[in-house]
Every structure is written in C-alpha cells, then in structure tokens.
C-alpha cells in the first residue's frame, strides 16, 4: 500500500512547469468568444 506522506516527502515539482504556464498564459490568443464579440460589433 502507498504511504502518501512518504511519497509527498519525495515529491519535487518539475522545474519547467512555471515557465510553461507563463508561456501559455502570456500569449494573446483569439478564442471563439473574441470572434463572436467581433461579429456582433460588425452587425451593430
């Protein structure tokens, strides 16, 4: 059986995960909501 407390002691986060998260969140990506907003503006 797993000893979760022991496993947590051995856990080390992936060093690049913070960099990957920043790269994902810092990108300006047009999504479906942005496209729909633009379409509504053009119709009005």
PDB file of N, CA and C in Angstrom:
ATOM      1  N   UNK A   1       0.846  -1.182   0.000  1.00  0.00           N
ATOM      2  CA  UNK A   1       0.000   0.000   0.000  1.00  0.00           C
ATOM      3  C   UNK A   1       0.894   1.250   0.000  1.00  0.00           C
ATOM      4  N   UNK A   2       0.425   2.298  -0.641  1.00  0.00           N
ATOM      5  CA  UNK A   2       1.202   3.527  -0.725  1.00  0.00           C
ATOM      6  C   UNK A   2       1.146   4.321   0.577  1.00  0.00           C
ATOM      7  N   UNK A   3       2.275   4.860   0.954  1.00  0.00           N
ATOM      8  CA  UNK A   3       2.339   5.769   2.101  1.00  0.00           C
ATOM      9  C   UNK A   3       2.405   7.186   1.530  1.00  0.00           C
ATOM     10  N   UNK A   4       1.261   7.862   1.511  1.00  0.00           N
ATOM     11  CA  UNK A   4       1.186   9.164   0.874  1.00  0.00           C
ATOM     12  C   UNK A   4       2.099  10.194   1.520  1.00  0.00           C
ATOM     13  N   UNK A   5       2.245  10.153   2.807  1.00  0.00           N
ATOM     14  CA  UNK A   5       3.130  11.095   3.498  1.00  0.00           C
ATOM     15  C   UNK A   5       4.575  10.912   3.021  1.00  0.00           C
ATOM     16  N   UNK A   6       4.993   9.659   2.871  1.00  0.00           N
ATOM     17  CA  UNK A   6       6.348   9.377   2.404  1.00  0.00           C
ATOM     18  C   UNK A   6       6.512   9.811   0.943  1.00  0.00           C
ATOM     19  N   UNK A   7       5.504   9.581   0.140  1.00  0.00           N
ATOM     20  CA  UNK A   7       5.564   9.990  -1.263  1.00  0.00           C
ATOM     21  C   UNK A   7       5.642  11.513  -1.383  1.00  0.00           C
ATOM     22  N   UNK A   8       4.908  12.229  -0.556  1.00  0.00           N
ATOM     23  CA  UNK A   8       4.951  13.690  -0.584  1.00  0.00           C
ATOM     24  C   UNK A   8       6.325  14.222  -0.201  1.00  0.00           C
ATOM     25  N   UNK A   9       6.999  13.555   0.690  1.00  0.00           N
ATOM     26  CA  UNK A   9       8.349  13.977   1.071  1.00  0.00           C
ATOM     27  C   UNK A   9       9.303  13.873  -0.113  1.00  0.00           C
ATOM     28  N   UNK A  10       9.087  12.887  -0.965  1.00  0.00           N
ATOM     29  CA  UNK A  10       9.960  12.658  -2.112  1.00  0.00           C
ATOM     30  C   UNK A  10       9.581  13.482  -3.336  1.00  0.00           C
ATOM     31  N   UNK A  11       8.448  14.157  -3.282  1.00  0.00           N
ATOM     32  CA  UNK A  11       7.949  14.906  -4.440  1.00  0.00           C
ATOM     33  C   UNK A  11       8.770  16.162  -4.696  1.00  0.00           C
ATOM     34  N   UNK A  12       9.144  16.355  -5.949  1.00  0.00           N
ATOM     35  CA  UNK A  12       9.774  17.605  -6.373  1.00  0.00           C
ATOM     36  C   UNK A  12       9.066  18.058  -7.645  1.00  0.00           C
ATOM     37  N   UNK A  13       8.623  19.299  -7.686  1.00  0.00           N
ATOM     38  CA  UNK A  13       7.905  19.762  -8.870  1.00  0.00           C
ATOM     39  C   UNK A  13       8.825  19.847 -10.085  1.00  0.00           C
ATOM     40  N   UNK A  14       8.255  19.778 -11.234  1.00  0.00           N
ATOM     41  CA  UNK A  14       9.015  19.896 -12.475  1.00  0.00           C
ATOM     42  C   UNK A  14       9.474  21.342 -12.600  1.00  0.00           C
ATOM     43  N   UNK A  15      10.764  21.588 -12.757  1.00  0.00           N
ATOM     44  CA  UNK A  15      11.266  22.966 -12.782  1.00  0.00           C
ATOM     45  C   UNK A  15      10.728  23.801 -13.935  1.00  0.00           C
ATOM     46  N   UNK A  16      10.417  23.196 -15.066  1.00  0.00           N
ATOM     47  CA  UNK A  16       9.963  23.953 -16.224  1.00  0.00           C
ATOM     48  C   UNK A  16       8.469  24.246 -16.215  1.00  0.00           C
ATOM     49  N   UNK A  17       7.735  23.715 -15.244  1.00  0.00           N
ATOM     50  CA  UNK A  17       6.286  23.884 -15.279  1.00  0.00           C
ATOM     51  C   UNK A  17       5.878  25.350 -15.131  1.00  0.00           C
ATOM     52  N   UNK A  18       6.590  26.122 -14.338  1.00  0.00           N
ATOM     53  CA  UNK A  18       6.284  27.544 -14.184  1.00  0.00           C
ATOM     54  C   UNK A  18       6.520  28.304 -15.471  1.00  0.00           C
ATOM     55  N   UNK A  19       7.593  27.978 -16.158  1.00  0.00           N
ATOM     56  CA  UNK A  19       7.886  28.628 -17.433  1.00  0.00           C
ATOM     57  C   UNK A  19       6.830  28.281 -18.478  1.00  0.00           C
ATOM     58  N   UNK A  20       6.405  27.043 -18.488  1.00  0.00           N
ATOM     59  CA  UNK A  20       5.388  26.624 -19.449  1.00  0.00           C
ATOM     60  C   UNK A  20       4.073  27.340 -19.173  1.00  0.00           C
ATOM     61  N   UNK A  21       3.711  27.452 -17.916  1.00  0.00           N
ATOM     62  CA  UNK A  21       2.461  28.131 -17.558  1.00  0.00           C
ATOM     63  C   UNK A  21       2.511  29.594 -17.979  1.00  0.00           C
ATOM     64  N   UNK A  22       3.629  30.267 -17.739  1.00  0.00           N
ATOM     65  CA  UNK A  22       3.758  31.671 -18.147  1.00  0.00           C
ATOM     66  C   UNK A  22       3.647  31.813 -19.661  1.00  0.00           C
ATOM     67  N   UNK A  23       4.270  30.912 -20.385  1.00  0.00           N
ATOM     68  CA  UNK A  23       4.230  30.972 -21.850  1.00  0.00           C
ATOM     69  C   UNK A  23       2.805  30.798 -22.363  1.00  0.00           C
ATOM     70  N   UNK A  24       2.052  29.931 -21.715  1.00  0.00           N
ATOM     71  CA  UNK A  24       0.668  29.696 -22.139  1.00  0.00           C
ATOM     72  C   UNK A  24      -0.211  30.893 -21.810  1.00  0.00           C
ATOM     73  N   UNK A  25      -0.102  31.412 -20.594  1.00  0.00           N
ATOM     74  CA  UNK A  25      -0.995  32.489 -20.175  1.00  0.00           C
ATOM     75  C   UNK A  25      -0.614  33.840 -20.756  1.00  0.00           C
ATOM     76  N   UNK A  26       0.621  34.033 -21.152  1.00  0.00           N
ATOM     77  CA  UNK A  26       1.051  35.324 -21.692  1.00  0.00           C
ATOM     78  C   UNK A  26       0.714  35.490 -23.172  1.00  0.00           C
ATOM     79  N   UNK A  27       0.321  34.433 -23.824  1.00  0.00           N
ATOM     80  CA  UNK A  27       0.015  34.522 -25.256  1.00  0.00           C
ATOM     81  C   UNK A  27      -1.358  35.148 -25.447  1.00  0.00           C
ATOM     82  N   UNK A  28      -1.451  35.997 -26.443  1.00  0.00           N
ATOM     83  CA  UNK A  28      -2.717  36.629 -26.780  1.00  0.00           C
ATOM     84  C   UNK A  28      -3.364  35.817 -27.893  1.00  0.00           C
ATOM     85  N   UNK A  29      -4.229  34.914 -27.506  1.00  0.00           N
ATOM     86  CA  UNK A  29      -4.845  34.011 -28.468  1.00  0.00           C
ATOM     87  C   UNK A  29      -6.312  34.392 -28.634  1.00  0.00           C
ATOM     88  N   UNK A  30      -6.714  34.536 -29.876  1.00  0.00           N
ATOM     89  CA  UNK A  30      -8.120  34.816 -30.166  1.00  0.00           C
ATOM     90  C   UNK A  30      -8.900  33.523 -29.992  1.00  0.00           C
ATOM     91  N   UNK A  31      -9.926  33.584 -29.171  1.00  0.00           N
ATOM     92  CA  UNK A  31     -10.748  32.401 -28.982  1.00  0.00           C
ATOM     93  C   UNK A  31     -12.141  32.651 -29.568  1.00  0.00           C
ATOM     94  N   UNK A  32     -13.008  31.704 -29.429  1.00  0.00           N
ATOM     95  CA  UNK A  32     -14.334  31.781 -30.017  1.00  0.00           C
ATOM     96  C   UNK A  32     -15.118  32.973 -29.480  1.00  0.00           C
ATOM     97  N   UNK A  33     -14.985  33.272 -28.203  1.00  0.00           N
ATOM     98  CA  UNK A  33     -15.694  34.406 -27.609  1.00  0.00           C
ATOM     99  C   UNK A  33     -15.246  35.715 -28.263  1.00  0.00           C
ATOM    100  N   UNK A  34     -13.946  35.876 -28.476  1.00  0.00           N
ATOM    101  CA  UNK A  34     -13.439  37.082 -29.142  1.00  0.00           C
ATOM    102  C   UNK A  34     -14.012  37.213 -30.553  1.00  0.00           C
ATOM    103  N   UNK A  35     -14.083  36.116 -31.264  1.00  0.00           N
ATOM    104  CA  UNK A  35     -14.613  36.136 -32.628  1.00  0.00           C
ATOM    105  C   UNK A  35     -16.085  36.516 -32.621  1.00  0.00           C
ATOM    106  N   UNK A  36     -16.855  35.934 -31.705  1.00  0.00           N
ATOM    107  CA  UNK A  36     -18.276  36.264 -31.623  1.00  0.00           C
ATOM    108  C   UNK A  36     -18.499  37.726 -31.250  1.00  0.00           C
ATOM    109  N   UNK A  37     -17.702  38.258 -30.338  1.00  0.00           N
ATOM    110  CA  UNK A  37     -17.815  39.669 -29.974  1.00  0.00           C
ATOM    111  C   UNK A  37     -17.560  40.571 -31.188  1.00  0.00           C
ATOM    112  N   UNK A  38     -16.565  40.213 -31.972  1.00  0.00           N
ATOM    113  CA  UNK A  38     -16.221  40.991 -33.160  1.00  0.00           C
ATOM    114  C   UNK A  38     -17.353  40.925 -34.182  1.00  0.00           C
ATOM    115  N   UNK A  39     -17.959  39.776 -34.338  1.00  0.00           N
ATOM    116  CA  UNK A  39     -19.079  39.631 -35.271  1.00  0.00           C
ATOM    117  C   UNK A  39     -20.271  40.468 -34.829  1.00  0.00           C
ATOM    118  N   UNK A  40     -20.538  40.490 -33.539  1.00  0.00           N
ATOM    119  CA  UNK A  40     -21.666  41.271 -33.019  1.00  0.00           C
ATOM    120  C   UNK A  40     -21.411  42.751 -33.227  1.00  0.00           C
ATOM    121  N   UNK A  41     -20.179  43.187 -33.003  1.00  0.00           N
ATOM    122  CA  UNK A  41     -19.820  44.610 -33.231  1.00  0.00           C
ATOM    123  C   UNK A  41     -20.060  44.999 -34.674  1.00  0.00           C
ATOM    124  N   UNK A  42     -19.672  44.129 -35.597  1.00  0.00           N
ATOM    125  CA  UNK A  42     -19.801  44.430 -37.018  1.00  0.00           C
ATOM    126  C   UNK A  42     -21.268  44.523 -37.439  1.00  0.00           C
ATOM    127  N   UNK A  43     -22.135  43.728 -36.804  1.00  0.00           N
ATOM    128  CA  UNK A  43     -23.564  43.758 -37.150  1.00  0.00           C
ATOM    129  C   UNK A  43     -24.257  45.000 -36.615  1.00  0.00           C
ATOM    130  N   UNK A  44     -23.786  45.528 -35.507  1.00  0.00           N
ATOM    131  CA  UNK A  44     -24.455  46.675 -34.867  1.00  0.00           C
ATOM    132  C   UNK A  44     -24.156  47.974 -35.558  1.00  0.00           C
TER     133      UNK A  44
END
